[in-house]
């Protein structure tokens, strides 16, 4: 069994969208997904694409993905990578696919002189937290994520 990671191509847009749905189902958030396959394709491969994805394969079969984008730290003074989604099909968990996806992003950070690789994890997701801890990822418990969406976003925007 060989795990490989490759950059996603436009032909992967449908697969990536299905991975997003599978992840949302695992996280008990399927009812919140608004993105369509066309949205996913445009975000990753359209004229104004600002997000990227990598696909993990085992013996040539897709088993997971990482969806990410560049961010910037004013304190570090360098860009970094924010990992929006990481998902490995349940049947492939423990194969090294998740670690390979993260190692690929870590290598990108080092090769590009980026300051950090960061992501969030749901507080109830003990298997993922244990996995991230095993890699040496630090929990940023003092930070609380805040989010504006929907009506609150429109209200602040004045529209």
C-alpha atoms as a PDB file:
ATOM      1  CA  UNK A   1       0.000   0.000   0.000  1.00  0.00           C
ATOM      2  CA  UNK A   2       1.553   3.272  -1.173  1.00  0.00           C
ATOM      3  CA  UNK A   3       0.243   6.687  -0.128  1.00  0.00           C
ATOM      4  CA  UNK A   4       0.912   9.561  -2.490  1.00  0.00           C
ATOM      5  CA  UNK A   5      -0.187  13.200  -2.434  1.00  0.00           C
ATOM      6  CA  UNK A   6      -0.736  15.252  -5.544  1.00  0.00           C
ATOM      7  CA  UNK A   7      -2.147  18.698  -6.317  1.00  0.00           C
ATOM      8  CA  UNK A   8      -5.803  18.638  -7.277  1.00  0.00           C
ATOM      9  CA  UNK A   9      -6.740  19.326 -10.891  1.00  0.00           C
ATOM     10  CA  UNK A  10      -9.985  20.661 -12.369  1.00  0.00           C
ATOM     11  CA  UNK A  11     -11.014  17.066 -13.057  1.00  0.00           C
ATOM     12  CA  UNK A  12     -11.041  16.530  -9.254  1.00  0.00           C
ATOM     13  CA  UNK A  13     -13.671  19.205  -8.523  1.00  0.00           C
ATOM     14  CA  UNK A  14     -16.541  16.700  -8.178  1.00  0.00           C
ATOM     15  CA  UNK A  15     -14.438  14.384  -6.007  1.00  0.00           C
ATOM     16  CA  UNK A  16     -13.422  17.275  -3.761  1.00  0.00           C
ATOM     17  CA  UNK A  17     -17.020  18.376  -3.409  1.00  0.00           C
ATOM     18  CA  UNK A  18     -17.973  14.830  -2.388  1.00  0.00           C
ATOM     19  CA  UNK A  19     -15.139  14.805   0.164  1.00  0.00           C
ATOM     20  CA  UNK A  20     -16.533  18.086   1.535  1.00  0.00           C
ATOM     21  CA  UNK A  21     -19.961  16.475   1.908  1.00  0.00           C
ATOM     22  CA  UNK A  22     -18.423  13.395   3.540  1.00  0.00           C
ATOM     23  CA  UNK A  23     -16.513  15.601   5.981  1.00  0.00           C
ATOM     24  CA  UNK A  24     -19.645  17.596   6.792  1.00  0.00           C
ATOM     25  CA  UNK A  25     -21.535  14.381   7.463  1.00  0.00           C
ATOM     26  CA  UNK A  26     -18.762  13.147   9.782  1.00  0.00           C
ATOM     27  CA  UNK A  27     -18.784  16.488  11.628  1.00  0.00           C
ATOM     28  CA  UNK A  28     -22.589  16.371  11.927  1.00  0.00           C
ATOM     29  CA  UNK A  29     -22.802  19.554   9.839  1.00  0.00           C
ATOM     30  CA  UNK A  30     -24.196  18.243   6.550  1.00  0.00           C
ATOM     31  CA  UNK A  31     -27.287  20.439   6.859  1.00  0.00           C
ATOM     32  CA  UNK A  32     -25.081  23.562   6.861  1.00  0.00           C
ATOM     33  CA  UNK A  33     -23.332  22.905   3.517  1.00  0.00           C
ATOM     34  CA  UNK A  34     -24.369  25.502   0.971  1.00  0.00           C
ATOM     35  CA  UNK A  35     -21.537  25.019  -1.535  1.00  0.00           C
ATOM     36  CA  UNK A  36     -22.437  23.393  -4.834  1.00  0.00           C
ATOM     37  CA  UNK A  37     -20.072  21.408  -7.058  1.00  0.00           C
ATOM     38  CA  UNK A  38     -19.854  24.520  -9.253  1.00  0.00           C
ATOM     39  CA  UNK A  39     -18.890  26.645  -6.239  1.00  0.00           C
ATOM     40  CA  UNK A  40     -16.142  24.194  -5.355  1.00  0.00           C
ATOM     41  CA  UNK A  41     -14.831  24.137  -8.926  1.00  0.00           C
ATOM     42  CA  UNK A  42     -14.833  27.941  -9.151  1.00  0.00           C
ATOM     43  CA  UNK A  43     -13.122  28.422  -5.779  1.00  0.00           C
ATOM     44  CA  UNK A  44     -10.315  26.020  -6.640  1.00  0.00           C
ATOM     45  CA  UNK A  45      -9.939  26.323 -10.409  1.00  0.00           C
ATOM     46  CA  UNK A  46     -11.797  29.425 -11.594  1.00  0.00           C
ATOM     47  CA  UNK A  47     -10.371  32.735 -12.809  1.00  0.00           C
ATOM     48  CA  UNK A  48     -10.340  34.135  -9.268  1.00  0.00           C
ATOM     49  CA  UNK A  49      -9.338  30.932  -7.479  1.00  0.00           C
ATOM     50  CA  UNK A  50      -7.884  31.655  -4.043  1.00  0.00           C
ATOM     51  CA  UNK A  51      -7.961  28.202  -2.496  1.00  0.00           C
ATOM     52  CA  UNK A  52      -6.003  25.057  -3.251  1.00  0.00           C
ATOM     53  CA  UNK A  53      -6.422  21.337  -2.686  1.00  0.00           C
ATOM     54  CA  UNK A  54      -4.272  18.257  -2.536  1.00  0.00           C
ATOM     55  CA  UNK A  55      -5.489  14.693  -3.010  1.00  0.00           C
ATOM     56  CA  UNK A  56      -4.171  11.684  -1.104  1.00  0.00           C
ATOM     57  CA  UNK A  57      -4.207   8.425  -2.995  1.00  0.00           C
ATOM     58  CA  UNK A  58      -3.496   4.860  -1.992  1.00  0.00           C
ATOM     59  CA  UNK A  59      -2.324   2.778  -4.898  1.00  0.00           C
ATOM     60  CA  UNK A  60      -3.796   5.374  -7.267  1.00  0.00           C
ATOM     61  CA  UNK A  61      -7.231   5.554  -5.603  1.00  0.00           C
ATOM     62  CA  UNK A  62      -8.307   8.868  -3.996  1.00  0.00           C
ATOM     63  CA  UNK A  63      -8.862   8.470  -0.245  1.00  0.00           C
ATOM     64  CA  UNK A  64      -8.677  12.006   1.138  1.00  0.00           C
ATOM     65  CA  UNK A  65      -8.004  15.649   0.599  1.00  0.00           C
ATOM     66  CA  UNK A  66      -6.636  18.817   2.137  1.00  0.00           C
ATOM     67  CA  UNK A  67      -8.161  22.162   1.161  1.00  0.00           C
ATOM     68  CA  UNK A  68      -6.053  25.188   2.092  1.00  0.00           C
ATOM     69  CA  UNK A  69      -5.185  28.798   1.375  1.00  0.00           C
ATOM     70  CA  UNK A  70      -2.478  31.292   2.257  1.00  0.00           C
ATOM     71  CA  UNK A  71      -2.926  33.582   5.246  1.00  0.00           C
ATOM     72  CA  UNK A  72      -0.649  36.180   6.797  1.00  0.00           C
ATOM     73  CA  UNK A  73       0.664  36.747  10.307  1.00  0.00           C
ATOM     74  CA  UNK A  74       1.470  40.335  11.181  1.00  0.00           C
ATOM     75  CA  UNK A  75       3.341  39.145  14.270  1.00  0.00           C
ATOM     76  CA  UNK A  76       5.488  36.623  12.400  1.00  0.00           C
ATOM     77  CA  UNK A  77       5.790  38.917   9.388  1.00  0.00           C
ATOM     78  CA  UNK A  78       5.269  36.093   6.929  1.00  0.00           C
ATOM     79  CA  UNK A  79       2.540  34.270   5.132  1.00  0.00           C
ATOM     80  CA  UNK A  80       1.398  30.864   6.311  1.00  0.00           C
ATOM     81  CA  UNK A  81      -1.053  28.191   5.294  1.00  0.00           C
ATOM     82  CA  UNK A  82      -4.501  27.808   6.777  1.00  0.00           C
ATOM     83  CA  UNK A  83      -5.849  24.288   6.395  1.00  0.00           C
ATOM     84  CA  UNK A  84      -9.596  24.658   5.945  1.00  0.00           C
ATOM     85  CA  UNK A  85     -10.453  20.972   5.540  1.00  0.00           C
ATOM     86  CA  UNK A  86      -8.642  17.696   6.015  1.00  0.00           C
ATOM     87  CA  UNK A  87     -10.560  14.497   5.385  1.00  0.00           C
ATOM     88  CA  UNK A  88      -9.625  10.861   4.903  1.00  0.00           C
ATOM     89  CA  UNK A  89     -12.263   8.266   4.125  1.00  0.00           C
ATOM     90  CA  UNK A  90     -12.959   6.078   7.163  1.00  0.00           C
ATOM     91  CA  UNK A  91     -11.763   2.971   5.304  1.00  0.00           C
ATOM     92  CA  UNK A  92      -8.349   4.609   4.787  1.00  0.00           C
ATOM     93  CA  UNK A  93      -7.821   6.025   8.265  1.00  0.00           C
ATOM     94  CA  UNK A  94      -4.649   4.732   9.857  1.00  0.00           C
ATOM     95  CA  UNK A  95      -3.040   4.289   6.437  1.00  0.00           C
ATOM     96  CA  UNK A  96      -0.863   7.375   6.749  1.00  0.00           C
ATOM     97  CA  UNK A  97      -2.912   9.402   4.243  1.00  0.00           C
ATOM     98  CA  UNK A  98      -3.768  12.156   6.745  1.00  0.00           C
ATOM     99  CA  UNK A  99      -0.181  12.436   7.883  1.00  0.00           C
ATOM    100  CA  UNK A 100       0.988  12.510   4.259  1.00  0.00           C
ATOM    101  CA  UNK A 101      -1.391  15.391   3.475  1.00  0.00           C
ATOM    102  CA  UNK A 102      -0.163  17.366   6.487  1.00  0.00           C
ATOM    103  CA  UNK A 103       3.494  16.547   5.771  1.00  0.00           C
ATOM    104  CA  UNK A 104       3.011  17.801   2.211  1.00  0.00           C
ATOM    105  CA  UNK A 105       1.690  21.125   3.534  1.00  0.00           C
ATOM    106  CA  UNK A 106       4.460  21.324   6.134  1.00  0.00           C
ATOM    107  CA  UNK A 107       7.031  20.817   3.376  1.00  0.00           C
ATOM    108  CA  UNK A 108       5.372  23.561   1.326  1.00  0.00           C
ATOM    109  CA  UNK A 109       5.642  25.881   4.338  1.00  0.00           C
ATOM    110  CA  UNK A 110       9.335  25.120   4.798  1.00  0.00           C
ATOM    111  CA  UNK A 111      10.138  25.298   1.076  1.00  0.00           C
ATOM    112  CA  UNK A 112       8.316  28.638   0.659  1.00  0.00           C
ATOM    113  CA  UNK A 113       9.653  30.175   3.888  1.00  0.00           C
ATOM    114  CA  UNK A 114       6.179  30.407   5.399  1.00  0.00           C
ATOM    115  CA  UNK A 115       5.738  31.100   9.101  1.00  0.00           C
ATOM    116  CA  UNK A 116       3.192  28.483  10.107  1.00  0.00           C
ATOM    117  CA  UNK A 117       0.576  25.889   9.261  1.00  0.00           C
ATOM    118  CA  UNK A 118      -2.634  26.150  11.241  1.00  0.00           C
ATOM    119  CA  UNK A 119      -6.167  24.791  11.382  1.00  0.00           C
ATOM    120  CA  UNK A 120      -9.090  24.248  13.712  1.00  0.00           C
ATOM    121  CA  UNK A 121     -10.608  21.040  15.029  1.00  0.00           C
ATOM    122  CA  UNK A 122     -13.975  20.478  16.660  1.00  0.00           C
ATOM    123  CA  UNK A 123     -13.612  20.102  20.428  1.00  0.00           C
ATOM    124  CA  UNK A 124     -15.478  16.755  20.453  1.00  0.00           C
ATOM    125  CA  UNK A 125     -13.298  15.164  17.750  1.00  0.00           C
ATOM    126  CA  UNK A 126     -11.025  13.213  20.092  1.00  0.00           C
ATOM    127  CA  UNK A 127      -9.480  10.949  17.404  1.00  0.00           C
ATOM    128  CA  UNK A 128      -8.378  13.945  15.336  1.00  0.00           C
ATOM    129  CA  UNK A 129      -7.133  15.847  18.371  1.00  0.00           C
ATOM    130  CA  UNK A 130      -5.054  12.835  19.414  1.00  0.00           C
ATOM    131  CA  UNK A 131      -3.686  12.546  15.874  1.00  0.00           C
ATOM    132  CA  UNK A 132      -2.718  16.241  15.775  1.00  0.00           C
ATOM    133  CA  UNK A 133      -1.165  15.984  19.248  1.00  0.00           C
ATOM    134  CA  UNK A 134       0.934  13.039  18.037  1.00  0.00           C
ATOM    135  CA  UNK A 135       2.373  15.302  15.334  1.00  0.00           C
ATOM    136  CA  UNK A 136       3.337  17.960  17.871  1.00  0.00           C
ATOM    137  CA  UNK A 137       0.596  20.445  16.895  1.00  0.00           C
ATOM    138  CA  UNK A 138      -0.030  22.950  19.686  1.00  0.00           C
ATOM    139  CA  UNK A 139      -3.564  23.684  20.880  1.00  0.00           C
ATOM    140  CA  UNK A 140      -4.273  27.409  20.851  1.00  0.00           C
ATOM    141  CA  UNK A 141      -6.758  27.303  23.732  1.00  0.00           C
ATOM    142  CA  UNK A 142      -6.488  31.000  24.502  1.00  0.00           C
ATOM    143  CA  UNK A 143      -7.927  31.968  21.082  1.00  0.00           C
ATOM    144  CA  UNK A 144     -11.675  31.989  20.468  1.00  0.00           C
ATOM    145  CA  UNK A 145     -12.898  31.951  16.882  1.00  0.00           C
ATOM    146  CA  UNK A 146     -15.436  34.620  16.031  1.00  0.00           C
ATOM    147  CA  UNK A 147     -17.521  34.562  12.853  1.00  0.00           C
ATOM    148  CA  UNK A 148     -19.892  36.880  11.029  1.00  0.00           C
ATOM    149  CA  UNK A 149     -22.317  35.285   8.558  1.00  0.00           C
ATOM    150  CA  UNK A 150     -25.747  35.860   7.116  1.00  0.00           C
ATOM    151  CA  UNK A 151     -27.757  38.761   8.490  1.00  0.00           C
ATOM    152  CA  UNK A 152     -25.057  39.852  10.961  1.00  0.00           C
ATOM    153  CA  UNK A 153     -22.537  40.104   8.106  1.00  0.00           C
ATOM    154  CA  UNK A 154     -24.964  42.056   5.910  1.00  0.00           C
ATOM    155  CA  UNK A 155     -25.877  44.359   8.781  1.00  0.00           C
ATOM    156  CA  UNK A 156     -22.236  45.236   9.519  1.00  0.00           C
ATOM    157  CA  UNK A 157     -21.628  45.757   5.803  1.00  0.00           C
ATOM    158  CA  UNK A 158     -24.525  48.178   5.719  1.00  0.00           C
ATOM    159  CA  UNK A 159     -26.478  46.277   3.078  1.00  0.00           C
END
